[in-house]
Protein backbone atom coordinates (compact mmCIF):
# COMPACT_ATOMS: atom_id res chain seq x y z
CA MET A 1 0.00 0.00 0.00
CA LYS A 2 0.98 3.51 -0.61
CA ASN A 3 1.55 5.73 2.43
CA LYS A 4 -0.81 8.72 2.19
CA SER A 5 -0.16 11.90 4.08
CA GLY A 6 -2.96 14.15 5.23
CA VAL A 7 -6.01 14.03 7.45
CA SER A 8 -8.63 11.36 7.09
CA ILE A 9 -12.29 12.29 7.00
CA ILE A 10 -12.90 10.40 10.25
CA THR A 11 -10.23 12.42 12.06
CA LEU A 12 -11.73 15.62 10.68
CA VAL A 13 -15.28 14.67 11.80
CA VAL A 14 -14.08 13.70 15.29
CA THR A 15 -12.19 16.97 15.62
CA ILE A 16 -15.23 19.00 14.56
CA MET A 17 -17.45 17.08 17.03
CA ILE A 18 -15.04 17.81 19.88
CA ILE A 19 -14.99 21.49 18.97
CA ILE A 20 -18.81 21.59 18.91
CA ILE A 21 -19.04 19.91 22.32
CA LEU A 22 -16.49 22.30 23.84
CA ALA A 23 -18.27 25.31 22.31
CA SER A 24 -21.65 24.22 23.70
CA ILE A 25 -20.15 23.78 27.17
CA ALA A 26 -18.62 27.26 26.98
CA ILE A 27 -21.90 28.82 25.83
CA PHE A 28 -23.88 27.12 28.60
CA SER A 29 -21.36 28.24 31.23
CA GLY A 30 -21.50 31.79 29.89
CA ARG A 31 -25.28 31.93 30.09
CA GLU A 32 -25.22 30.59 33.63
CA SER A 33 -22.69 33.25 34.61
CA ILE A 34 -24.84 35.98 33.07
CA ASP A 35 -27.89 34.75 35.03
CA GLU A 36 -25.88 34.70 38.26
CA THR A 37 -24.59 38.21 37.59
CA SER A 38 -28.12 39.50 36.93
CA ARG A 39 -29.37 37.91 40.14
CA THR A 40 -26.47 39.40 42.12
CA LYS A 41 -27.17 42.88 40.72
CA ILE A 42 -30.81 42.60 41.79
CA ASP A 43 -29.80 41.36 45.25
CA VAL A 44 -27.47 44.37 45.65
CA GLU A 45 -30.23 46.74 44.51
CA ILE A 46 -32.66 45.17 47.00
CA GLY A 47 -30.11 45.54 49.81
CA ASN A 48 -29.51 49.21 48.98
CA ILE A 49 -33.25 49.89 48.81
CA LYS A 50 -33.85 48.06 52.13
CA ASP A 51 -31.27 50.28 53.84
CA ALA A 52 -32.88 53.43 52.44
CA VAL A 53 -36.37 52.19 53.37
CA ALA A 54 -35.24 51.52 56.95
CA ARG A 55 -33.90 55.08 57.21
CA ARG A 56 -37.11 56.47 55.68
CA MET A 57 -39.26 54.47 58.13
CA ILE A 58 -37.33 55.95 61.09
CA ASP A 59 -37.60 59.47 59.67
CA ASN A 60 -41.28 58.97 58.87
CA ALA A 61 -41.99 57.86 62.45
CA ARG A 62 -40.46 61.14 63.67
CA ASN A 63 -42.21 63.39 61.15
CA SER A 64 -44.47 61.89 58.50
CA LEU A 65 -45.14 65.25 56.81
CA THR A 66 -41.47 65.98 56.22
CA TYR A 67 -40.55 62.39 55.45
CA PRO A 68 -43.44 60.73 53.60
CA PHE A 69 -43.14 57.23 52.21
CA ILE A 70 -41.48 57.26 48.80
CA GLY A 71 -42.87 55.32 45.86
CA ASP A 72 -46.01 55.18 43.78
CA LYS A 73 -49.10 54.19 45.73
CA VAL A 74 -50.95 51.64 43.62
CA SER A 75 -54.56 50.62 44.21
CA ASP A 76 -53.84 46.92 43.68
CA ILE A 77 -50.18 46.02 44.17
CA THR A 78 -50.96 42.30 43.77
CA VAL A 79 -51.16 42.67 39.98
CA TYR A 80 -47.37 43.06 39.91
CA ILE A 81 -46.56 39.98 42.00
CA PRO A 82 -46.68 37.44 39.13
CA TYR A 83 -43.99 39.44 37.35
CA ILE A 84 -41.40 39.39 40.15
CA VAL A 85 -38.33 37.58 38.86
CA TYR A 86 -36.44 35.00 40.93
CA LEU A 87 -39.42 34.20 43.20
CA SER A 88 -40.96 30.76 43.12
CA ASP A 89 -44.71 30.34 42.69
CA GLU A 90 -44.98 29.43 46.38
CA GLN A 91 -43.16 32.62 47.39
CA LYS A 92 -45.41 34.67 45.10
CA ASP A 93 -48.52 33.05 46.63
CA ALA A 94 -47.25 33.78 50.16
CA LEU A 95 -46.52 37.40 49.24
CA ARG A 96 -49.96 37.77 47.64
CA ALA A 97 -51.62 36.43 50.81
CA LYS A 98 -49.53 38.78 52.98
CA VAL A 99 -50.45 41.81 50.85
CA ILE A 100 -54.15 40.93 50.88
CA ALA A 101 -54.13 40.46 54.67
CA SER A 102 -52.40 43.78 55.39
CA SER A 103 -53.08 47.44 54.73
CA PRO A 104 -52.58 48.48 51.10
CA ASP A 105 -51.40 51.90 52.34
CA ASN A 106 -48.08 50.34 53.39
CA TYR A 107 -47.09 49.23 49.88
CA ARG A 108 -45.43 51.32 47.21
CA LEU A 109 -44.02 50.67 43.75
CA LEU A 110 -40.48 51.96 43.28
CA ASP A 111 -38.70 52.66 40.01
CA SER A 112 -35.18 54.00 39.42
CA ALA A 113 -36.25 57.68 39.33
CA THR A 114 -38.19 57.35 42.58
CA ALA A 115 -35.29 55.42 44.14
CA VAL A 116 -33.13 58.53 43.73
CA SER A 117 -35.68 60.43 45.87
CA LEU A 118 -35.18 57.74 48.49
CA GLY A 119 -31.42 58.28 48.32
CA VAL A 120 -30.52 55.23 46.23
CA ASP A 121 -28.55 55.72 43.02
CA GLY A 122 -27.62 53.16 40.40
CA ILE A 123 -30.89 51.24 40.18
CA ASN A 124 -31.38 49.72 36.75
CA GLU A 125 -34.06 51.77 35.01
CA ARG A 126 -35.82 48.59 33.88
CA ASN A 127 -36.18 47.29 37.47
CA TYR A 128 -39.19 48.08 39.63
CA TYR A 129 -39.64 46.99 43.23
CA ILE A 130 -42.49 46.56 45.70
CA ILE A 131 -41.80 48.14 49.10
CA ASP A 132 -43.64 47.16 52.28
CA TYR A 133 -43.24 50.13 54.62
CA SER A 134 -44.79 48.24 57.54
CA THR A 135 -41.92 45.72 57.64
CA GLY A 136 -39.21 47.29 55.49
CA ASP A 137 -39.30 44.38 53.07
CA VAL A 138 -38.47 44.91 49.39
CA TYR A 139 -39.62 42.56 46.64
CA GLY A 140 -38.44 42.54 43.06
CA ALA A 141 -37.29 43.07 40.51
CA ILE A 142 -40.50 43.23 38.54
CA ASP A 143 -40.37 42.39 34.85
CA MET A 144 -42.25 45.50 33.71
CA GLU A 145 -41.83 44.71 30.02
CA SER A 146 -43.87 41.52 30.46
CA TYR A 147 -46.36 43.26 32.74
CA LEU A 148 -46.96 46.03 30.20
CA LYS A 149 -47.22 43.51 27.39
CA ASP A 150 -49.89 41.56 29.31
CA ASN A 151 -51.68 44.68 30.65
CA PRO A 152 -51.76 47.37 27.96
CA SER A 153 -53.51 50.50 29.13
């Protein structure tokens, strides 16, 4: 037999398959990292808002006229709960029950512009949060794009 130099088709196919497998692993890892980063950003925003809400609650207890609660008062805050990202259905149901059982006057909807009034900078303009001024809890971020798509007004 004659000795042929070069790459056989089988070697070429195996090499391409290995490259495809490695590329898919890299893409999957990259997406997972992006999701983790997004979640971390939201957690940091929630922490910053909670700190500002706690300060506002103390100031409001001293003088509610000078330091009113910040955020948009919404007649039915529960309509936003299904659109909170990173909460399980059970957590959303528990939050809905808590909101229904308590005073709606304690809840506000906070966006990035309103967050500045609360003393919090750097909130992503696409993120909205529900604030419970009776407990200082903050829930979010709310996927407003999906909410507006489902509830055009």
